[in-house]
Amino acid sequence: MPGEDWLLLVGMGGLFILLGLVALIWGKREERDYYDLSAGKDVRKYLQQEEQPSPESLKVGGWIAIAVGSVMAAMGGGFWLWG
């Protein structure tokens, strides 16, 4: 790749990895809050689950973002080494 274009791939890969980690942490926190019945929260939250993304979808999305970010960062590193 010409010039420093490989740096864009590495930067975007790092951003995807960071966003994936945020989604994983958010998903784990939502799962803990959802299943913690001892907190005394309103029952309406449990009955109207469609208003927010489910914790499982946040965690799966986080893993997908981490995988895509890792591939992008590896491609950028490969272009830097062999470019």
Foldseek 3Di string as FASTA:
>chain_A
DPDLVLVVLLVQLVVLLVQLVVLLVVLVVQVCVLPPVVVVDDCVCVVPVVPDDHSVVSNVSSVVSNVSSVVSNVVSVVVVVPD
